[in-house]
N, C-alpha and C. Protein backbone atom coordinates (compact mmCIF):
# COMPACT_ATOMS: atom_id res chain seq x y z
N UNK A 1 -19.22 9.09 4.87
CA UNK A 1 -18.33 8.13 5.48
C UNK A 1 -17.14 8.89 6.07
N UNK A 2 -16.75 8.53 7.28
CA UNK A 2 -15.62 9.19 7.93
C UNK A 2 -14.33 8.83 7.22
N UNK A 3 -13.36 9.74 7.30
CA UNK A 3 -12.09 9.56 6.61
C UNK A 3 -11.40 8.25 6.99
N UNK A 4 -11.37 7.95 8.30
CA UNK A 4 -10.74 6.72 8.78
C UNK A 4 -11.44 5.49 8.19
N UNK A 5 -12.77 5.51 8.20
CA UNK A 5 -13.55 4.40 7.65
C UNK A 5 -13.30 4.25 6.15
N UNK A 6 -13.21 5.38 5.45
CA UNK A 6 -12.95 5.35 4.01
C UNK A 6 -11.57 4.74 3.75
N UNK A 7 -10.60 5.12 4.54
CA UNK A 7 -9.25 4.57 4.39
C UNK A 7 -9.21 3.07 4.63
N UNK A 8 -9.88 2.61 5.66
CA UNK A 8 -9.92 1.17 5.95
C UNK A 8 -10.64 0.41 4.83
N UNK A 9 -11.71 1.01 4.32
CA UNK A 9 -12.42 0.36 3.20
C UNK A 9 -11.51 0.27 1.98
N UNK A 10 -10.78 1.33 1.70
CA UNK A 10 -9.85 1.33 0.58
C UNK A 10 -8.77 0.27 0.75
N UNK A 11 -8.24 0.13 1.96
CA UNK A 11 -7.22 -0.89 2.21
C UNK A 11 -7.80 -2.29 2.02
N UNK A 12 -9.04 -2.51 2.45
CA UNK A 12 -9.67 -3.82 2.26
C UNK A 12 -9.88 -4.11 0.78
N UNK A 13 -10.30 -3.10 0.02
CA UNK A 13 -10.48 -3.28 -1.42
C UNK A 13 -9.15 -3.54 -2.11
N UNK A 14 -8.11 -2.82 -1.68
CA UNK A 14 -6.78 -3.03 -2.27
C UNK A 14 -6.27 -4.44 -1.96
N UNK A 15 -6.48 -4.91 -0.74
CA UNK A 15 -6.05 -6.27 -0.37
C UNK A 15 -6.79 -7.30 -1.22
N UNK A 16 -8.09 -7.12 -1.40
CA UNK A 16 -8.87 -8.05 -2.22
C UNK A 16 -8.38 -8.03 -3.67
N UNK A 17 -8.04 -6.84 -4.15
CA UNK A 17 -7.51 -6.69 -5.52
C UNK A 17 -6.22 -7.48 -5.68
N UNK A 18 -5.32 -7.35 -4.72
CA UNK A 18 -4.06 -8.09 -4.78
C UNK A 18 -4.29 -9.60 -4.70
N UNK A 19 -5.13 -10.01 -3.77
CA UNK A 19 -5.39 -11.44 -3.59
C UNK A 19 -6.01 -12.06 -4.84
N UNK A 20 -6.86 -11.30 -5.52
CA UNK A 20 -7.48 -11.80 -6.76
C UNK A 20 -6.45 -11.98 -7.87
N UNK A 21 -5.29 -11.36 -7.71
CA UNK A 21 -4.22 -11.46 -8.70
C UNK A 21 -3.07 -12.35 -8.23
N UNK A 22 -3.34 -13.17 -7.23
CA UNK A 22 -2.36 -14.16 -6.81
C UNK A 22 -1.41 -13.74 -5.71
N UNK A 23 -1.60 -12.57 -5.12
CA UNK A 23 -0.76 -12.12 -4.02
C UNK A 23 -1.34 -12.61 -2.70
N UNK A 24 -0.47 -12.85 -1.74
CA UNK A 24 -0.90 -13.16 -0.38
C UNK A 24 -0.58 -11.95 0.49
N UNK A 25 -1.59 -11.39 1.11
CA UNK A 25 -1.36 -10.27 2.02
C UNK A 25 -0.86 -10.85 3.33
N UNK A 26 0.38 -10.53 3.68
CA UNK A 26 1.01 -11.15 4.85
C UNK A 26 1.10 -10.20 6.04
N UNK A 27 0.82 -8.93 5.82
CA UNK A 27 0.80 -7.96 6.92
C UNK A 27 -0.11 -6.81 6.53
N UNK A 28 -0.82 -6.29 7.52
CA UNK A 28 -1.67 -5.11 7.33
C UNK A 28 -1.32 -4.10 8.41
N UNK A 29 -1.19 -2.87 8.01
CA UNK A 29 -0.91 -1.77 8.94
C UNK A 29 0.28 -2.08 9.85
N UNK A 30 1.36 -2.53 9.23
CA UNK A 30 2.59 -2.82 9.96
C UNK A 30 3.18 -1.50 10.46
N UNK A 31 3.51 -1.45 11.74
CA UNK A 31 4.04 -0.23 12.34
C UNK A 31 5.47 -0.44 12.84
N UNK A 32 6.29 0.56 12.58
CA UNK A 32 7.64 0.64 13.13
C UNK A 32 7.72 2.02 13.77
N UNK A 33 7.36 2.09 15.05
CA UNK A 33 7.25 3.40 15.70
C UNK A 33 6.15 4.20 15.03
N UNK A 34 6.45 5.43 14.62
CA UNK A 34 5.42 6.25 13.98
C UNK A 34 5.22 5.93 12.49
N UNK A 35 6.05 5.06 11.95
CA UNK A 35 6.00 4.74 10.52
C UNK A 35 5.07 3.56 10.29
N UNK A 36 4.41 3.56 9.12
CA UNK A 36 3.44 2.50 8.85
C UNK A 36 3.47 2.09 7.38
N UNK A 37 3.23 0.81 7.16
CA UNK A 37 3.02 0.27 5.82
C UNK A 37 1.59 -0.25 5.80
N UNK A 38 0.80 0.19 4.83
CA UNK A 38 -0.60 -0.22 4.77
C UNK A 38 -0.74 -1.73 4.56
N UNK A 39 -0.08 -2.25 3.52
CA UNK A 39 -0.15 -3.67 3.21
C UNK A 39 1.23 -4.19 2.84
N UNK A 40 1.52 -5.41 3.24
CA UNK A 40 2.70 -6.12 2.78
C UNK A 40 2.18 -7.38 2.11
N UNK A 41 2.54 -7.57 0.85
CA UNK A 41 2.02 -8.70 0.08
C UNK A 41 3.17 -9.48 -0.55
N UNK A 42 2.95 -10.80 -0.68
CA UNK A 42 3.98 -11.68 -1.26
C UNK A 42 3.37 -12.47 -2.41
N UNK A 43 4.16 -12.58 -3.47
CA UNK A 43 3.85 -13.50 -4.57
C UNK A 43 5.17 -14.05 -5.06
N UNK A 44 5.30 -15.36 -4.98
CA UNK A 44 6.55 -16.03 -5.34
C UNK A 44 7.69 -15.46 -4.51
N UNK A 45 8.74 -14.95 -5.15
CA UNK A 45 9.89 -14.43 -4.39
C UNK A 45 9.89 -12.90 -4.30
N UNK A 46 8.72 -12.29 -4.52
CA UNK A 46 8.60 -10.83 -4.45
C UNK A 46 7.73 -10.44 -3.26
N UNK A 47 8.22 -9.48 -2.49
CA UNK A 47 7.43 -8.87 -1.42
C UNK A 47 7.23 -7.41 -1.80
N UNK A 48 5.96 -6.98 -1.79
CA UNK A 48 5.62 -5.60 -2.11
C UNK A 48 5.14 -4.89 -0.85
N UNK A 49 5.74 -3.75 -0.58
CA UNK A 49 5.28 -2.85 0.48
C UNK A 49 4.33 -1.88 -0.21
N UNK A 50 3.06 -1.91 0.18
CA UNK A 50 2.02 -1.23 -0.58
C UNK A 50 1.45 -0.06 0.20
N UNK A 51 1.52 1.12 -0.39
CA UNK A 51 0.87 2.31 0.15
C UNK A 51 -0.47 2.45 -0.56
N UNK A 52 -1.54 2.57 0.22
CA UNK A 52 -2.89 2.67 -0.33
C UNK A 52 -3.43 4.06 -0.03
N UNK A 53 -3.96 4.72 -1.05
CA UNK A 53 -4.62 6.01 -0.88
C UNK A 53 -6.02 5.90 -1.44
N UNK A 54 -6.98 6.37 -0.66
CA UNK A 54 -8.39 6.25 -1.02
C UNK A 54 -9.02 7.63 -1.06
N UNK A 55 -9.83 7.85 -2.08
CA UNK A 55 -10.57 9.11 -2.23
C UNK A 55 -12.02 8.78 -2.57
N UNK A 56 -12.90 9.68 -2.17
CA UNK A 56 -14.31 9.51 -2.50
C UNK A 56 -14.80 10.59 -3.46
N UNK A 57 -13.96 11.59 -3.72
CA UNK A 57 -14.32 12.66 -4.66
C UNK A 57 -13.16 12.91 -5.61
N UNK A 58 -13.43 13.69 -6.64
CA UNK A 58 -12.39 14.03 -7.60
C UNK A 58 -11.59 15.26 -7.16
N UNK A 59 -12.04 15.94 -6.11
CA UNK A 59 -11.33 17.14 -5.68
C UNK A 59 -10.03 16.74 -4.99
N UNK A 60 -9.05 17.59 -5.08
CA UNK A 60 -7.77 17.33 -4.43
C UNK A 60 -6.87 16.39 -5.22
N UNK A 61 -7.18 16.17 -6.47
CA UNK A 61 -6.33 15.31 -7.30
C UNK A 61 -6.71 13.86 -7.20
N UNK A 62 -5.89 13.05 -7.83
CA UNK A 62 -6.13 11.61 -7.85
C UNK A 62 -5.73 10.96 -6.55
N UNK A 63 -6.13 9.72 -6.35
CA UNK A 63 -5.83 9.06 -5.09
C UNK A 63 -4.35 8.81 -4.84
N UNK A 64 -3.54 8.82 -5.89
CA UNK A 64 -2.11 8.57 -5.70
C UNK A 64 -1.30 9.85 -5.51
N UNK A 65 -1.90 11.01 -5.72
CA UNK A 65 -1.18 12.27 -5.60
C UNK A 65 -0.52 12.50 -4.23
N UNK A 66 -1.13 12.08 -3.10
CA UNK A 66 -0.51 12.38 -1.80
C UNK A 66 0.74 11.56 -1.46
N UNK A 67 1.16 10.64 -2.30
CA UNK A 67 2.32 9.83 -1.97
C UNK A 67 3.58 10.61 -2.37
N UNK A 68 3.92 11.54 -1.55
CA UNK A 68 5.06 12.43 -1.81
C UNK A 68 6.32 11.88 -1.16
N UNK A 69 7.40 12.62 -1.32
CA UNK A 69 8.72 12.19 -0.86
C UNK A 69 8.74 11.80 0.62
N UNK A 70 8.15 12.60 1.47
CA UNK A 70 8.15 12.30 2.91
C UNK A 70 7.43 11.00 3.22
N UNK A 71 6.30 10.79 2.57
CA UNK A 71 5.55 9.55 2.78
C UNK A 71 6.34 8.36 2.28
N UNK A 72 6.96 8.50 1.12
CA UNK A 72 7.78 7.41 0.58
C UNK A 72 8.93 7.08 1.52
N UNK A 73 9.57 8.10 2.09
CA UNK A 73 10.66 7.87 3.05
C UNK A 73 10.15 7.12 4.29
N UNK A 74 8.97 7.49 4.76
CA UNK A 74 8.39 6.82 5.92
C UNK A 74 8.10 5.35 5.65
N UNK A 75 7.53 5.07 4.49
CA UNK A 75 7.24 3.68 4.12
C UNK A 75 8.54 2.90 3.99
N UNK A 76 9.56 3.53 3.39
CA UNK A 76 10.86 2.86 3.23
C UNK A 76 11.49 2.56 4.60
N UNK A 77 11.36 3.48 5.55
CA UNK A 77 11.89 3.24 6.89
C UNK A 77 11.20 2.07 7.57
N UNK A 78 9.88 2.02 7.45
CA UNK A 78 9.14 0.90 8.03
C UNK A 78 9.50 -0.40 7.31
N UNK A 79 9.72 -0.32 6.00
CA UNK A 79 10.09 -1.51 5.23
C UNK A 79 11.45 -2.06 5.69
N UNK A 80 12.39 -1.17 5.95
CA UNK A 80 13.69 -1.63 6.46
C UNK A 80 13.51 -2.41 7.76
N UNK A 81 12.66 -1.92 8.63
CA UNK A 81 12.41 -2.61 9.90
C UNK A 81 11.72 -3.96 9.65
N UNK A 82 10.74 -3.97 8.73
CA UNK A 82 10.04 -5.21 8.40
C UNK A 82 11.03 -6.25 7.87
N UNK A 83 11.91 -5.83 6.98
CA UNK A 83 12.90 -6.75 6.41
C UNK A 83 13.82 -7.28 7.51
N UNK A 84 14.24 -6.41 8.41
CA UNK A 84 15.09 -6.83 9.53
C UNK A 84 14.39 -7.90 10.38
N UNK A 85 13.09 -7.69 10.65
CA UNK A 85 12.34 -8.61 11.50
C UNK A 85 11.87 -9.87 10.78
N UNK A 86 11.45 -9.73 9.52
CA UNK A 86 10.74 -10.82 8.86
C UNK A 86 11.28 -11.22 7.49
N UNK A 87 12.28 -10.51 7.02
CA UNK A 87 12.79 -10.75 5.67
C UNK A 87 13.44 -12.11 5.52
N UNK A 88 13.54 -12.54 4.26
CA UNK A 88 14.17 -13.82 3.94
C UNK A 88 15.20 -13.60 2.84
N UNK A 89 16.31 -14.32 2.89
CA UNK A 89 17.30 -14.21 1.81
C UNK A 89 16.68 -14.61 0.48
N UNK A 90 17.11 -13.95 -0.58
CA UNK A 90 16.64 -14.27 -1.93
C UNK A 90 15.33 -13.60 -2.31
N UNK A 91 14.78 -12.79 -1.42
CA UNK A 91 13.52 -12.10 -1.70
C UNK A 91 13.79 -10.80 -2.43
N UNK A 92 12.94 -10.49 -3.38
CA UNK A 92 12.98 -9.21 -4.09
C UNK A 92 11.96 -8.30 -3.42
N UNK A 93 12.39 -7.11 -3.05
CA UNK A 93 11.50 -6.17 -2.38
C UNK A 93 11.21 -5.00 -3.31
N UNK A 94 9.97 -4.53 -3.25
CA UNK A 94 9.61 -3.37 -4.07
C UNK A 94 8.51 -2.58 -3.34
N UNK A 95 8.28 -1.37 -3.85
CA UNK A 95 7.29 -0.47 -3.29
C UNK A 95 6.20 -0.23 -4.32
N UNK A 96 4.98 -0.63 -3.98
CA UNK A 96 3.83 -0.46 -4.87
C UNK A 96 2.91 0.62 -4.30
N UNK A 97 2.09 1.17 -5.16
CA UNK A 97 1.06 2.12 -4.75
C UNK A 97 -0.27 1.65 -5.32
N UNK A 98 -1.30 1.76 -4.52
CA UNK A 98 -2.64 1.46 -4.99
C UNK A 98 -3.52 2.65 -4.65
N UNK A 99 -4.17 3.18 -5.68
CA UNK A 99 -5.14 4.25 -5.50
C UNK A 99 -6.53 3.67 -5.64
N UNK A 100 -7.40 4.03 -4.70
CA UNK A 100 -8.79 3.57 -4.72
C UNK A 100 -9.68 4.80 -4.73
N UNK A 101 -10.56 4.86 -5.71
CA UNK A 101 -11.56 5.93 -5.76
C UNK A 101 -12.92 5.28 -5.57
N UNK A 102 -13.58 5.63 -4.46
CA UNK A 102 -14.88 5.06 -4.12
C UNK A 102 -15.94 6.10 -4.47
N UNK A 103 -16.89 5.66 -5.27
CA UNK A 103 -18.02 6.53 -5.65
C UNK A 103 -19.30 5.72 -5.48
N UNK A 104 -20.05 6.04 -4.46
CA UNK A 104 -21.25 5.25 -4.17
C UNK A 104 -20.85 3.83 -3.86
N UNK A 105 -21.44 2.88 -4.54
CA UNK A 105 -21.11 1.48 -4.33
C UNK A 105 -20.01 0.97 -5.23
N UNK A 106 -19.49 1.83 -6.09
CA UNK A 106 -18.46 1.45 -7.06
C UNK A 106 -17.08 1.85 -6.57
N UNK A 107 -16.08 1.09 -6.98
CA UNK A 107 -14.69 1.43 -6.64
C UNK A 107 -13.82 1.21 -7.88
N UNK A 108 -12.97 2.19 -8.15
CA UNK A 108 -11.95 2.06 -9.19
C UNK A 108 -10.62 1.86 -8.48
N UNK A 109 -9.84 0.90 -8.96
CA UNK A 109 -8.56 0.61 -8.33
C UNK A 109 -7.46 0.74 -9.37
N UNK A 110 -6.44 1.51 -9.01
CA UNK A 110 -5.26 1.68 -9.86
C UNK A 110 -4.05 1.16 -9.08
N UNK A 111 -3.40 0.14 -9.63
CA UNK A 111 -2.24 -0.47 -8.97
C UNK A 111 -1.00 -0.12 -9.79
N UNK A 112 -0.03 0.48 -9.12
CA UNK A 112 1.23 0.81 -9.78
C UNK A 112 2.33 -0.04 -9.14
N UNK A 113 2.72 -1.13 -9.81
CA UNK A 113 3.80 -1.94 -9.29
C UNK A 113 5.13 -1.19 -9.36
N UNK A 114 5.99 -1.42 -8.38
CA UNK A 114 7.31 -0.79 -8.36
C UNK A 114 7.20 0.71 -8.58
N UNK A 115 6.31 1.34 -7.80
CA UNK A 115 5.95 2.75 -7.98
C UNK A 115 7.09 3.72 -7.68
N UNK A 116 8.01 3.34 -6.80
CA UNK A 116 9.15 4.20 -6.49
C UNK A 116 10.28 3.36 -5.93
N UNK A 117 11.44 3.95 -5.93
CA UNK A 117 12.63 3.34 -5.33
C UNK A 117 13.08 4.24 -4.19
N UNK A 118 13.41 3.65 -3.06
CA UNK A 118 13.88 4.51 -1.97
C UNK A 118 15.22 5.13 -2.35
N UNK A 119 15.44 6.30 -1.88
CA UNK A 119 16.68 6.94 -2.24
C UNK A 119 16.95 8.07 -1.43
């Protein structure tokens, strides 16, 4: 499977995972210039900006390992733009991470709520 296809599959699995837990995915692949947020999800008064990382092998570490400082800054920048355009007063915003490991027809999903704080 091509890397792009694997990433899209991981994002679809992550969205389904969130929806099964009562979240509404309100934006996918939101772009603010070169910055991107994979998923934006809402449940009650919480909006989560979700970075999704997908892997098909165990090499190169776990699926959440690539979410380093630069990536977190980029997601936070896009989130600021999203809030400016679409935010609502009284909303709690947070940054979540979802790691998806696809092996054959099976997928393991690890969701880390409030995975980091911008700073």
